[in-house]
Amino acid sequence: MSGKESLSLDEFATAPRRQRPSLVPDPVRAQVERPADTAGVSEPETGVERGKMGTSSEASKALRQMKRARMKGASHFVNVNLDRETKRRLKLASFNMDTSMQAIMEKAIRQYLDANGY
């Protein structure tokens, strides 16, 4: 297709539109219900928005406090690069003592720091 050629809308296949059921409301009933519906809908939305803003700020504040409380007793991790032989010995010791490698490392670090006055 060259730049000068164009397609018309008739050349595209489109699905037919769905026919909406035509409801003929009672004019008296429609006039009575419309003002009540619009007034009832607009007022709660503003109240809901205000409530959401207050709730979200309260929720974020509670979340921050929870994170702070969790961090007070949180563990801090240290990565240690071990050679293959040291890692094998640590793993064997942890198996024989029926404890974790982490517990052995923590105890060894504490002993080192205590021995050196830290």
PDB file of N, CA and C in Angstrom:
ATOM      1  N   MET A   1       0.847  -1.162   0.000  1.00  0.00           N
ATOM      2  CA  MET A   1       0.000   0.000   0.000  1.00  0.00           C
ATOM      3  C   MET A   1       0.897   1.230   0.000  1.00  0.00           C
ATOM      4  N   SER A   2       0.674   2.104  -0.902  1.00  0.00           N
ATOM      5  CA  SER A   2       1.493   3.307  -0.987  1.00  0.00           C
ATOM      6  C   SER A   2       0.957   4.363  -0.032  1.00  0.00           C
ATOM      7  N   GLY A   3       1.706   5.447   0.139  1.00  0.00           N
ATOM      8  CA  GLY A   3       1.331   6.506   1.056  1.00  0.00           C
ATOM      9  C   GLY A   3       0.071   7.235   0.651  1.00  0.00           C
ATOM     10  N   LYS A   4      -0.247   7.238  -0.638  1.00  0.00           N
ATOM     11  CA  LYS A   4      -1.425   7.977  -1.100  1.00  0.00           C
ATOM     12  C   LYS A   4      -2.716   7.191  -0.913  1.00  0.00           C
ATOM     13  N   GLU A   5      -2.625   5.868  -0.865  1.00  0.00           N
ATOM     14  CA  GLU A   5      -3.826   5.064  -0.702  1.00  0.00           C
ATOM     15  C   GLU A   5      -4.293   5.129   0.743  1.00  0.00           C
ATOM     16  N   SER A   6      -5.575   5.090   0.917  1.00  0.00           N
ATOM     17  CA  SER A   6      -6.114   5.088   2.279  1.00  0.00           C
ATOM     18  C   SER A   6      -7.271   4.106   2.341  1.00  0.00           C
ATOM     19  N   LEU A   7      -7.520   3.630   3.534  1.00  0.00           N
ATOM     20  CA  LEU A   7      -8.598   2.674   3.747  1.00  0.00           C
ATOM     21  C   LEU A   7      -9.820   3.411   4.276  1.00  0.00           C
ATOM     22  N   SER A   8     -10.965   2.913   3.873  1.00  0.00           N
ATOM     23  CA  SER A   8     -12.197   3.500   4.396  1.00  0.00           C
ATOM     24  C   SER A   8     -12.685   2.643   5.559  1.00  0.00           C
ATOM     25  N   LEU A   9     -13.572   3.172   6.331  1.00  0.00           N
ATOM     26  CA  LEU A   9     -14.100   2.432   7.471  1.00  0.00           C
ATOM     27  C   LEU A   9     -14.899   1.211   7.036  1.00  0.00           C
ATOM     28  N   ASP A  10     -15.422   1.240   5.847  1.00  0.00           N
ATOM     29  CA  ASP A  10     -16.222   0.112   5.354  1.00  0.00           C
ATOM     30  C   ASP A  10     -15.347  -1.121   5.107  1.00  0.00           C
ATOM     31  N   GLU A  11     -14.067  -0.947   4.929  1.00  0.00           N
ATOM     32  CA  GLU A  11     -13.180  -2.069   4.631  1.00  0.00           C
ATOM     33  C   GLU A  11     -12.779  -2.850   5.881  1.00  0.00           C
ATOM     34  N   PHE A  12     -13.049  -2.330   7.045  1.00  0.00           N
ATOM     35  CA  PHE A  12     -12.719  -3.022   8.288  1.00  0.00           C
ATOM     36  C   PHE A  12     -13.928  -3.798   8.777  1.00  0.00           C
ATOM     37  N   ALA A  13     -13.679  -5.007   9.266  1.00  0.00           N
ATOM     38  CA  ALA A  13     -14.757  -5.817   9.828  1.00  0.00           C
ATOM     39  C   ALA A  13     -14.930  -5.423  11.289  1.00  0.00           C
ATOM     40  N   THR A  14     -16.122  -5.069  11.659  1.00  0.00           N
ATOM     41  CA  THR A  14     -16.403  -4.697  13.044  1.00  0.00           C
ATOM     42  C   THR A  14     -17.587  -5.491  13.540  1.00  0.00           C
ATOM     43  N   ALA A  15     -17.586  -5.731  14.827  1.00  0.00           N
ATOM     44  CA  ALA A  15     -18.694  -6.461  15.436  1.00  0.00           C
ATOM     45  C   ALA A  15     -19.876  -5.516  15.598  1.00  0.00           C
ATOM     46  N   PRO A  16     -21.079  -6.046  15.444  1.00  0.00           N
ATOM     47  CA  PRO A  16     -22.242  -5.181  15.623  1.00  0.00           C
ATOM     48  C   PRO A  16     -22.381  -4.773  17.089  1.00  0.00           C
ATOM     49  N   ARG A  17     -22.932  -3.607  17.320  1.00  0.00           N
ATOM     50  CA  ARG A  17     -23.134  -3.123  18.681  1.00  0.00           C
ATOM     51  C   ARG A  17     -24.250  -3.894  19.357  1.00  0.00           C
ATOM     52  N   ARG A  18     -24.072  -4.072  20.662  1.00  0.00           N
ATOM     53  CA  ARG A  18     -25.109  -4.728  21.435  1.00  0.00           C
ATOM     54  C   ARG A  18     -26.277  -3.790  21.614  1.00  0.00           C
ATOM     55  N   GLN A  19     -27.442  -4.335  21.518  1.00  0.00           N
ATOM     56  CA  GLN A  19     -28.634  -3.523  21.722  1.00  0.00           C
ATOM     57  C   GLN A  19     -28.908  -3.432  23.223  1.00  0.00           C
ATOM     58  N   ARG A  20     -28.976  -2.227  23.735  1.00  0.00           N
ATOM     59  CA  ARG A  20     -29.284  -2.030  25.145  1.00  0.00           C
ATOM     60  C   ARG A  20     -30.787  -2.125  25.330  1.00  0.00           C
ATOM     61  N   PRO A  21     -31.204  -2.753  26.396  1.00  0.00           N
ATOM     62  CA  PRO A  21     -32.651  -2.804  26.640  1.00  0.00           C
ATOM     63  C   PRO A  21     -33.164  -1.405  26.933  1.00  0.00           C
ATOM     64  N   SER A  22     -34.211  -1.048  26.247  1.00  0.00           N
ATOM     65  CA  SER A  22     -34.743   0.310  26.430  1.00  0.00           C
ATOM     66  C   SER A  22     -35.732   0.275  27.585  1.00  0.00           C
ATOM     67  N   LEU A  23     -35.315   0.842  28.698  1.00  0.00           N
ATOM     68  CA  LEU A  23     -36.183   0.923  29.863  1.00  0.00           C
ATOM     69  C   LEU A  23     -36.848   2.300  29.864  1.00  0.00           C
ATOM     70  N   VAL A  24     -38.122   2.286  29.978  1.00  0.00           N
ATOM     71  CA  VAL A  24     -38.854   3.544  30.045  1.00  0.00           C
ATOM     72  C   VAL A  24     -39.260   3.720  31.508  1.00  0.00           C
ATOM     73  N   PRO A  25     -38.501   4.530  32.231  1.00  0.00           N
ATOM     74  CA  PRO A  25     -38.823   4.684  33.653  1.00  0.00           C
ATOM     75  C   PRO A  25     -40.048   5.556  33.851  1.00  0.00           C
ATOM     76  N   ASP A  26     -40.660   5.364  34.972  1.00  0.00           N
ATOM     77  CA  ASP A  26     -41.803   6.180  35.345  1.00  0.00           C
ATOM     78  C   ASP A  26     -41.294   7.596  35.612  1.00  0.00           C
ATOM     79  N   PRO A  27     -41.769   8.630  34.883  1.00  0.00           N
ATOM     80  CA  PRO A  27     -41.219   9.982  35.041  1.00  0.00           C
ATOM     81  C   PRO A  27     -41.330  10.515  36.464  1.00  0.00           C
ATOM     82  N   VAL A  28     -42.392  10.206  37.167  1.00  0.00           N
ATOM     83  CA  VAL A  28     -42.547  10.698  38.537  1.00  0.00           C
ATOM     84  C   VAL A  28     -41.521  10.025  39.443  1.00  0.00           C
ATOM     85  N   ARG A  29     -41.361   8.750  39.272  1.00  0.00           N
ATOM     86  CA  ARG A  29     -40.409   7.991  40.090  1.00  0.00           C
ATOM     87  C   ARG A  29     -38.978   8.429  39.795  1.00  0.00           C
ATOM     88  N   ALA A  30     -38.665   8.695  38.532  1.00  0.00           N
ATOM     89  CA  ALA A  30     -37.320   9.104  38.143  1.00  0.00           C
ATOM     90  C   ALA A  30     -36.972  10.447  38.763  1.00  0.00           C
ATOM     91  N   GLN A  31     -37.906  11.394  38.810  1.00  0.00           N
ATOM     92  CA  GLN A  31     -37.631  12.706  39.390  1.00  0.00           C
ATOM     93  C   GLN A  31     -37.410  12.603  40.896  1.00  0.00           C
ATOM     94  N   VAL A  32     -38.119  11.710  41.546  1.00  0.00           N
ATOM     95  CA  VAL A  32     -37.986  11.552  42.996  1.00  0.00           C
ATOM     96  C   VAL A  32     -36.652  10.883  43.336  1.00  0.00           C
ATOM     97  N   GLU A  33     -36.250   9.891  42.552  1.00  0.00           N
ATOM     98  CA  GLU A  33     -35.053   9.128  42.876  1.00  0.00           C
ATOM     99  C   GLU A  33     -33.763   9.847  42.498  1.00  0.00           C
ATOM    100  N   ARG A  34     -33.696  10.588  41.436  1.00  0.00           N
ATOM    101  CA  ARG A  34     -32.454  11.205  40.974  1.00  0.00           C
ATOM    102  C   ARG A  34     -31.834  12.154  41.998  1.00  0.00           C
ATOM    103  N   PRO A  35     -32.568  13.129  42.525  1.00  0.00           N
ATOM    104  CA  PRO A  35     -31.928  14.024  43.498  1.00  0.00           C
ATOM    105  C   PRO A  35     -31.430  13.270  44.733  1.00  0.00           C
ATOM    106  N   ALA A  36     -32.166  12.283  45.169  1.00  0.00           N
ATOM    107  CA  ALA A  36     -31.740  11.516  46.340  1.00  0.00           C
ATOM    108  C   ALA A  36     -30.470  10.743  46.022  1.00  0.00           C
ATOM    109  N   ASP A  37     -30.368  10.173  44.826  1.00  0.00           N
ATOM    110  CA  ASP A  37     -29.198   9.393  44.447  1.00  0.00           C
ATOM    111  C   ASP A  37     -27.962  10.275  44.340  1.00  0.00           C
ATOM    112  N   THR A  38     -28.089  11.421  43.684  1.00  0.00           N
ATOM    113  CA  THR A  38     -26.908  12.269  43.491  1.00  0.00           C
ATOM    114  C   THR A  38     -26.447  12.863  44.803  1.00  0.00           C
ATOM    115  N   ALA A  39     -27.363  13.254  45.668  1.00  0.00           N
ATOM    116  CA  ALA A  39     -26.961  13.825  46.957  1.00  0.00           C
ATOM    117  C   ALA A  39     -26.331  12.743  47.825  1.00  0.00           C
ATOM    118  N   GLY A  40     -26.883  11.553  47.810  1.00  0.00           N
ATOM    119  CA  GLY A  40     -26.356  10.469  48.629  1.00  0.00           C
ATOM    120  C   GLY A  40     -25.002   9.989  48.152  1.00  0.00           C
ATOM    121  N   VAL A  41     -24.734  10.080  46.867  1.00  0.00           N
ATOM    122  CA  VAL A  41     -23.479   9.583  46.318  1.00  0.00           C
ATOM    123  C   VAL A  41     -22.352  10.584  46.523  1.00  0.00           C
ATOM    124  N   SER A  42     -22.606  11.867  46.327  1.00  0.00           N
ATOM    125  CA  SER A  42     -21.522  12.850  46.376  1.00  0.00           C
ATOM    126  C   SER A  42     -21.009  13.071  47.790  1.00  0.00           C
ATOM    127  N   GLU A  43     -21.853  13.107  48.777  1.00  0.00           N
ATOM    128  CA  GLU A  43     -21.408  13.381  50.138  1.00  0.00           C
ATOM    129  C   GLU A  43     -20.560  12.252  50.713  1.00  0.00           C
ATOM    130  N   PRO A  44     -20.945  10.980  50.610  1.00  0.00           N
ATOM    131  CA  PRO A  44     -20.097   9.933  51.171  1.00  0.00           C
ATOM    132  C   PRO A  44     -18.734   9.834  50.488  1.00  0.00           C
ATOM    133  N   GLU A  45     -18.664  10.167  49.202  1.00  0.00           N
ATOM    134  CA  GLU A  45     -17.369  10.076  48.522  1.00  0.00           C
ATOM    135  C   GLU A  45     -16.355  11.007  49.166  1.00  0.00           C
ATOM    136  N   THR A  46     -16.739  12.239  49.463  1.00  0.00           N
ATOM    137  CA  THR A  46     -15.788  13.154  50.088  1.00  0.00           C
ATOM    138  C   THR A  46     -15.443  12.663  51.473  1.00  0.00           C
ATOM    139  N   GLY A  47     -16.407  12.139  52.197  1.00  0.00           N
ATOM    140  CA  GLY A  47     -16.132  11.595  53.522  1.00  0.00           C
ATOM    141  C   GLY A  47     -15.230  10.379  53.446  1.00  0.00           C
ATOM    142  N   VAL A  48     -15.440   9.543  52.425  1.00  0.00           N
ATOM    143  CA  VAL A  48     -14.617   8.356  52.244  1.00  0.00           C
ATOM    144  C   VAL A  48     -13.196   8.761  51.900  1.00  0.00           C
ATOM    145  N   GLU A  49     -13.051   9.793  51.030  1.00  0.00           N
ATOM    146  CA  GLU A  49     -11.719  10.251  50.662  1.00  0.00           C
ATOM    147  C   GLU A  49     -10.982  10.802  51.872  1.00  0.00           C
ATOM    148  N   ARG A  50     -11.678  11.586  52.693  1.00  0.00           N
ATOM    149  CA  ARG A  50     -11.051  12.108  53.906  1.00  0.00           C
ATOM    150  C   ARG A  50     -10.677  10.969  54.831  1.00  0.00           C
ATOM    151  N   GLY A  51     -11.558   9.995  54.953  1.00  0.00           N
ATOM    152  CA  GLY A  51     -11.288   8.839  55.805  1.00  0.00           C
ATOM    153  C   GLY A  51     -10.115   8.029  55.310  1.00  0.00           C
ATOM    154  N   LYS A  52     -10.024   7.873  53.982  1.00  0.00           N
ATOM    155  CA  LYS A  52      -8.912   7.124  53.409  1.00  0.00           C
ATOM    156  C   LYS A  52      -7.593   7.829  53.663  1.00  0.00           C
ATOM    157  N   MET A  53      -7.588   9.157  53.510  1.00  0.00           N
ATOM    158  CA  MET A  53      -6.355   9.910  53.726  1.00  0.00           C
ATOM    159  C   MET A  53      -5.908   9.780  55.172  1.00  0.00           C
ATOM    160  N   GLY A  54      -6.842   9.896  56.096  1.00  0.00           N
ATOM    161  CA  GLY A  54      -6.511   9.761  57.509  1.00  0.00           C
ATOM    162  C   GLY A  54      -6.075   8.352  57.836  1.00  0.00           C
ATOM    163  N   THR A  55      -6.758   7.375  57.266  1.00  0.00           N
ATOM    164  CA  THR A  55      -6.429   5.985  57.507  1.00  0.00           C
ATOM    165  C   THR A  55      -5.070   5.631  56.921  1.00  0.00           C
ATOM    166  N   SER A  56      -4.792   6.138  55.717  1.00  0.00           N
ATOM    167  CA  SER A  56      -3.519   5.797  55.098  1.00  0.00           C
ATOM    168  C   SER A  56      -2.362   6.423  55.851  1.00  0.00           C
ATOM    169  N   SER A  57      -2.526   7.653  56.356  1.00  0.00           N
ATOM    170  CA  SER A  57      -1.437   8.261  57.122  1.00  0.00           C
ATOM    171  C   SER A  57      -1.254   7.545  58.451  1.00  0.00           C
ATOM    172  N   GLU A  58      -2.363   7.135  59.062  1.00  0.00           N
ATOM    173  CA  GLU A  58      -2.264   6.365  60.304  1.00  0.00           C
ATOM    174  C   GLU A  58      -1.613   5.012  60.047  1.00  0.00           C
ATOM    175  N   ALA A  59      -1.958   4.398  58.944  1.00  0.00           N
ATOM    176  CA  ALA A  59      -1.384   3.094  58.608  1.00  0.00           C
ATOM    177  C   ALA A  59       0.098   3.211  58.317  1.00  0.00           C
ATOM    178  N   SER A  60       0.502   4.248  57.587  1.00  0.00           N
ATOM    179  CA  SER A  60       1.922   4.409  57.285  1.00  0.00           C
ATOM    180  C   SER A  60       2.711   4.725  58.552  1.00  0.00           C
ATOM    181  N   LYS A  61       2.112   5.491  59.453  1.00  0.00           N
ATOM    182  CA  LYS A  61       2.771   5.800  60.718  1.00  0.00           C
ATOM    183  C   LYS A  61       2.941   4.526  61.549  1.00  0.00           C
ATOM    184  N   ALA A  62       1.906   3.710  61.598  1.00  0.00           N
ATOM    185  CA  ALA A  62       1.983   2.446  62.344  1.00  0.00           C
ATOM    186  C   ALA A  62       3.015   1.514  61.724  1.00  0.00           C
ATOM    187  N   LEU A  63       3.098   1.509  60.404  1.00  0.00           N
ATOM    188  CA  LEU A  63       4.071   0.658  59.715  1.00  0.00           C
ATOM    189  C   LEU A  63       5.495   1.101  60.043  1.00  0.00           C
ATOM    190  N   ARG A  64       5.744   2.418  60.035  1.00  0.00           N
ATOM    191  CA  ARG A  64       7.076   2.928  60.397  1.00  0.00           C
ATOM    192  C   ARG A  64       7.447   2.540  61.817  1.00  0.00           C
ATOM    193  N   GLN A  65       6.500   2.665  62.752  1.00  0.00           N
ATOM    194  CA  GLN A  65       6.766   2.309  64.140  1.00  0.00           C
ATOM    195  C   GLN A  65       7.054   0.822  64.274  1.00  0.00           C
ATOM    196  N   MET A  66       6.325   0.005  63.522  1.00  0.00           N
ATOM    197  CA  MET A  66       6.547  -1.428  63.571  1.00  0.00           C
ATOM    198  C   MET A  66       7.936  -1.784  63.037  1.00  0.00           C
ATOM    199  N   LYS A  67       8.359  -1.120  61.959  1.00  0.00           N
ATOM    200  CA  LYS A  67       9.684  -1.371  61.399  1.00  0.00           C
ATOM    201  C   LYS A  67      10.777  -0.968  62.378  1.00  0.00           C
ATOM    202  N   ARG A  68      10.602   0.169  63.051  1.00  0.00           N
ATOM    203  CA  ARG A  68      11.585   0.611  64.054  1.00  0.00           C
ATOM    204  C   ARG A  68      11.684  -0.395  65.188  1.00  0.00           C
ATOM    205  N   ALA A  69      10.542  -0.871  65.670  1.00  0.00           N
ATOM    206  CA  ALA A  69      10.540  -1.833  66.764  1.00  0.00           C
ATOM    207  C   ALA A  69      11.217  -3.136  66.345  1.00  0.00           C
ATOM    208  N   ARG A  70      10.997  -3.534  65.112  1.00  0.00           N
ATOM    209  CA  ARG A  70      11.611  -4.765  64.608  1.00  0.00           C
ATOM    210  C   ARG A  70      13.127  -4.609  64.483  1.00  0.00           C
ATOM    211  N   MET A  71      13.574  -3.423  64.077  1.00  0.00           N
ATOM    212  CA  MET A  71      15.008  -3.196  63.874  1.00  0.00           C
ATOM    213  C   MET A  71      15.778  -3.147  65.189  1.00  0.00           C
ATOM    214  N   LYS A  72      15.102  -2.879  66.315  1.00  0.00           N
ATOM    215  CA  LYS A  72      15.795  -2.823  67.599  1.00  0.00           C
ATOM    216  C   LYS A  72      16.407  -4.174  67.942  1.00  0.00           C
ATOM    217  N   GLY A  73      15.717  -5.249  67.661  1.00  0.00           N
ATOM    218  CA  GLY A  73      16.222  -6.576  67.988  1.00  0.00           C
ATOM    219  C   GLY A  73      16.661  -7.355  66.767  1.00  0.00           C
ATOM    220  N   ALA A  74      16.875  -6.671  65.668  1.00  0.00           N
ATOM    221  CA  ALA A  74      17.180  -7.358  64.416  1.00  0.00           C
ATOM    222  C   ALA A  74      18.622  -7.849  64.389  1.00  0.00           C
ATOM    223  N   SER A  75      18.814  -8.926  63.688  1.00  0.00           N
ATOM    224  CA  SER A  75      20.152  -9.449  63.468  1.00  0.00           C
ATOM    225  C   SER A  75      20.784  -8.712  62.317  1.00  0.00           C
ATOM    226  N   HIS A  76      22.066  -8.524  62.404  1.00  0.00           N
ATOM    227  CA  HIS A  76      22.812  -7.897  61.322  1.00  0.00           C
ATOM    228  C   HIS A  76      23.774  -8.939  60.782  1.00  0.00           C
ATOM    229  N   PHE A  77      23.776  -9.099  59.488  1.00  0.00           N
ATOM    230  CA  PHE A  77      24.515 -10.181  58.865  1.00  0.00           C
ATOM    231  C   PHE A  77      25.896  -9.735  58.399  1.00  0.00           C
ATOM    232  N   VAL A  78      26.844 -10.680  58.493  1.00  0.00           N
ATOM    233  CA  VAL A  78      28.200 -10.466  58.009  1.00  0.00           C
ATOM    234  C   VAL A  78      28.544 -11.651  57.112  1.00  0.00           C
ATOM    235  N   ASN A  79      29.009 -11.362  55.925  1.00  0.00           N
ATOM    236  CA  ASN A  79      29.442 -12.430  55.023  1.00  0.00           C
ATOM    237  C   ASN A  79      30.913 -12.709  55.239  1.00  0.00           C
ATOM    238  N   VAL A  80      31.255 -13.992  55.302  1.00  0.00           N
ATOM    239  CA  VAL A  80      32.640 -14.389  55.507  1.00  0.00           C
ATOM    240  C   VAL A  80      33.050 -15.291  54.361  1.00  0.00           C
ATOM    241  N   ASN A  81      34.151 -14.947  53.734  1.00  0.00           N
ATOM    242  CA  ASN A  81      34.672 -15.760  52.644  1.00  0.00           C
ATOM    243  C   ASN A  81      35.640 -16.786  53.225  1.00  0.00           C
ATOM    244  N   LEU A  82      35.273 -18.047  53.180  1.00  0.00           N
ATOM    245  CA  LEU A  82      36.110 -19.127  53.732  1.00  0.00           C
ATOM    246  C   LEU A  82      36.687 -19.965  52.610  1.00  0.00           C
ATOM    247  N   ASP A  83      37.903 -20.485  52.847  1.00  0.00           N
ATOM    248  CA  ASP A  83      38.443 -21.425  51.869  1.00  0.00           C
ATOM    249  C   ASP A  83      37.719 -22.755  52.036  1.00  0.00           C
ATOM    250  N   ARG A  84      37.910 -23.633  51.101  1.00  0.00           N
ATOM    251  CA  ARG A  84      37.161 -24.887  51.053  1.00  0.00           C
ATOM    252  C   ARG A  84      37.418 -25.757  52.290  1.00  0.00           C
ATOM    253  N   GLU A  85      38.660 -25.831  52.715  1.00  0.00           N
ATOM    254  CA  GLU A  85      39.019 -26.675  53.865  1.00  0.00           C
ATOM    255  C   GLU A  85      38.396 -26.140  55.162  1.00  0.00           C
ATOM    256  N   THR A  86      38.437 -24.823  55.368  1.00  0.00           N
ATOM    257  CA  THR A  86      37.854 -24.235  56.585  1.00  0.00           C
ATOM    258  C   THR A  86      36.345 -24.431  56.604  1.00  0.00           C
ATOM    259  N   LYS A  87      35.722 -24.284  55.476  1.00  0.00           N
ATOM    260  CA  LYS A  87      34.274 -24.489  55.389  1.00  0.00           C
ATOM    261  C   LYS A  87      33.927 -25.946  55.689  1.00  0.00           C
ATOM    262  N   ARG A  88      34.729 -26.862  55.180  1.00  0.00           N
ATOM    263  CA  ARG A  88      34.478 -28.290  55.442  1.00  0.00           C
ATOM    264  C   ARG A  88      34.614 -28.597  56.925  1.00  0.00           C
ATOM    265  N   ARG A  89      35.633 -28.035  57.577  1.00  0.00           N
ATOM    266  CA  ARG A  89      35.845 -28.251  59.010  1.00  0.00           C
ATOM    267  C   ARG A  89      34.697 -27.649  59.828  1.00  0.00           C
ATOM    268  N   LEU A  90      34.234 -26.462  59.426  1.00  0.00           N
ATOM    269  CA  LEU A  90      33.107 -25.815  60.113  1.00  0.00           C
ATOM    270  C   LEU A  90      31.839 -26.651  59.977  1.00  0.00           C
ATOM    271  N   LYS A  91      31.625 -27.178  58.810  1.00  0.00           N
ATOM    272  CA  LYS A  91      30.440 -28.008  58.567  1.00  0.00           C
ATOM    273  C   LYS A  91      30.503 -29.297  59.368  1.00  0.00           C
ATOM    274  N   LEU A  92      31.673 -29.908  59.429  1.00  0.00           N
ATOM    275  CA  LEU A  92      31.847 -31.138  60.203  1.00  0.00           C
ATOM    276  C   LEU A  92      31.650 -30.867  61.691  1.00  0.00           C
ATOM    277  N   ALA A  93      32.207 -29.752  62.190  1.00  0.00           N
ATOM    278  CA  ALA A  93      32.045 -29.399  63.604  1.00  0.00           C
ATOM    279  C   ALA A  93      30.576 -29.144  63.923  1.00  0.00           C
ATOM    280  N   SER A  94      29.873 -28.472  63.037  1.00  0.00           N
ATOM    281  CA  SER A  94      28.460 -28.193  63.287  1.00  0.00           C
ATOM    282  C   SER A  94      27.645 -29.487  63.300  1.00  0.00           C
ATOM    283  N   PHE A  95      28.010 -30.432  62.458  1.00  0.00           N
ATOM    284  CA  PHE A  95      27.300 -31.717  62.432  1.00  0.00           C
ATOM    285  C   PHE A  95      27.585 -32.506  63.707  1.00  0.00           C
ATOM    286  N   ASN A  96      28.866 -32.571  64.100  1.00  0.00           N
ATOM    287  CA  ASN A  96      29.244 -33.350  65.283  1.00  0.00           C
ATOM    288  C   ASN A  96      28.691 -32.747  66.570  1.00  0.00           C
ATOM    289  N   MET A  97      28.633 -31.432  66.656  1.00  0.00           N
ATOM    290  CA  MET A  97      28.132 -30.762  67.863  1.00  0.00           C
ATOM    291  C   MET A  97      26.619 -30.595  67.839  1.00  0.00           C
ATOM    292  N   ASP A  98      25.994 -30.982  66.745  1.00  0.00           N
ATOM    293  CA  ASP A  98      24.550 -30.855  66.556  1.00  0.00           C
ATOM    294  C   ASP A  98      24.090 -29.408  66.777  1.00  0.00           C
ATOM    295  N   THR A  99      24.789 -28.490  66.136  1.00  0.00           N
ATOM    296  CA  THR A  99      24.455 -27.074  66.190  1.00  0.00           C
ATOM    297  C   THR A  99      24.639 -26.482  64.801  1.00  0.00           C
ATOM    298  N   SER A 100      24.280 -25.259  64.633  1.00  0.00           N
ATOM    299  CA  SER A 100      24.389 -24.644  63.306  1.00  0.00           C
ATOM    300  C   SER A 100      25.776 -24.027  63.131  1.00  0.00           C
ATOM    301  N   MET A 101      26.158 -23.864  61.864  1.00  0.00           N
ATOM    302  CA  MET A 101      27.424 -23.203  61.557  1.00  0.00           C
ATOM    303  C   MET A 101      27.378 -21.754  62.039  1.00  0.00           C
ATOM    304  N   GLN A 102      26.222 -21.150  61.945  1.00  0.00           N
ATOM    305  CA  GLN A 102      26.067 -19.768  62.377  1.00  0.00           C
ATOM    306  C   GLN A 102      26.343 -19.635  63.865  1.00  0.00           C
ATOM    307  N   ALA A 103      25.834 -20.559  64.680  1.00  0.00           N
ATOM    308  CA  ALA A 103      26.053 -20.499  66.123  1.00  0.00           C
ATOM    309  C   ALA A 103      27.539 -20.626  66.452  1.00  0.00           C
ATOM    310  N   ILE A 104      28.237 -21.492  65.734  1.00  0.00           N
ATOM    311  CA  ILE A 104      29.676 -21.651  65.948  1.00  0.00           C
ATOM    312  C   ILE A 104      30.410 -20.365  65.588  1.00  0.00           C
ATOM    313  N   MET A 105      30.048 -19.766  64.462  1.00  0.00           N
ATOM    314  CA  MET A 105      30.697 -18.522  64.038  1.00  0.00           C
ATOM    315  C   MET A 105      30.429 -17.397  65.037  1.00  0.00           C
ATOM    316  N   GLU A 106      29.194 -17.281  65.524  1.00  0.00           N
ATOM    317  CA  GLU A 106      28.869 -16.245  66.506  1.00  0.00           C
ATOM    318  C   GLU A 106      29.699 -16.417  67.772  1.00  0.00           C
ATOM    319  N   LYS A 107      29.797 -17.649  68.249  1.00  0.00           N
ATOM    320  CA  LYS A 107      30.566 -17.929  69.467  1.00  0.00           C
ATOM    321  C   LYS A 107      32.043 -17.613  69.252  1.00  0.00           C
ATOM    322  N   ALA A 108      32.590 -17.974  68.094  1.00  0.00           N
ATOM    323  CA  ALA A 108      33.998 -17.716  67.799  1.00  0.00           C
ATOM    324  C   ALA A 108      34.271 -16.211  67.721  1.00  0.00           C
ATOM    325  N   ILE A 109      33.375 -15.464  67.126  1.00  0.00           N
ATOM    326  CA  ILE A 109      33.563 -14.010  67.021  1.00  0.00           C
ATOM    327  C   ILE A 109      33.498 -13.370  68.398  1.00  0.00           C
ATOM    328  N   ARG A 110      32.546 -13.789  69.234  1.00  0.00           N
ATOM    329  CA  ARG A 110      32.447 -13.252  70.595  1.00  0.00           C
ATOM    330  C   ARG A 110      33.718 -13.532  71.386  1.00  0.00           C
ATOM    331  N   GLN A 111      34.227 -14.765  71.293  1.00  0.00           N
ATOM    332  CA  GLN A 111      35.460 -15.120  72.010  1.00  0.00           C
ATOM    333  C   GLN A 111      36.628 -14.258  71.532  1.00  0.00           C
ATOM    334  N   TYR A 112      36.741 -14.045  70.248  1.00  0.00           N
ATOM    335  CA  TYR A 112      37.818 -13.224  69.698  1.00  0.00           C
ATOM    336  C   TYR A 112      37.722 -11.784  70.200  1.00  0.00           C
ATOM    337  N   LEU A 113      36.501 -11.236  70.157  1.00  0.00           N
ATOM    338  CA  LEU A 113      36.315  -9.841  70.603  1.00  0.00           C
ATOM    339  C   LEU A 113      36.575  -9.701  72.106  1.00  0.00           C
ATOM    340  N   ASP A 114      36.124 -10.675  72.897  1.00  0.00           N
ATOM    341  CA  ASP A 114      36.368 -10.629  74.344  1.00  0.00           C
ATOM    342  C   ASP A 114      37.860 -10.753  74.649  1.00  0.00           C
ATOM    343  N   ALA A 115      38.536 -11.637  73.932  1.00  0.00           N
ATOM    344  CA  ALA A 115      39.977 -11.844  74.171  1.00  0.00           C
ATOM    345  C   ALA A 115      40.789 -10.602  73.835  1.00  0.00           C
ATOM    346  N   ASN A 116      40.343  -9.835  72.859  1.00  0.00           N
ATOM    347  CA  ASN A 116      41.077  -8.640  72.440  1.00  0.00           C
ATOM    348  C   ASN A 116      40.526  -7.353  73.072  1.00  0.00           C
ATOM    349  N   GLY A 117      39.603  -7.467  74.012  1.00  0.00           N
ATOM    350  CA  GLY A 117      39.113  -6.310  74.763  1.00  0.00           C
ATOM    351  C   GLY A 117      38.132  -5.435  74.018  1.00  0.00           C
ATOM    352  N   TYR A 118      37.409  -5.963  73.086  1.00  0.00           N
ATOM    353  CA  TYR A 118      36.416  -5.155  72.376  1.00  0.00           C
ATOM    354  C   TYR A 118      35.042  -5.390  72.885  1.00  0.00           C
TER     355      TYR A 118
END
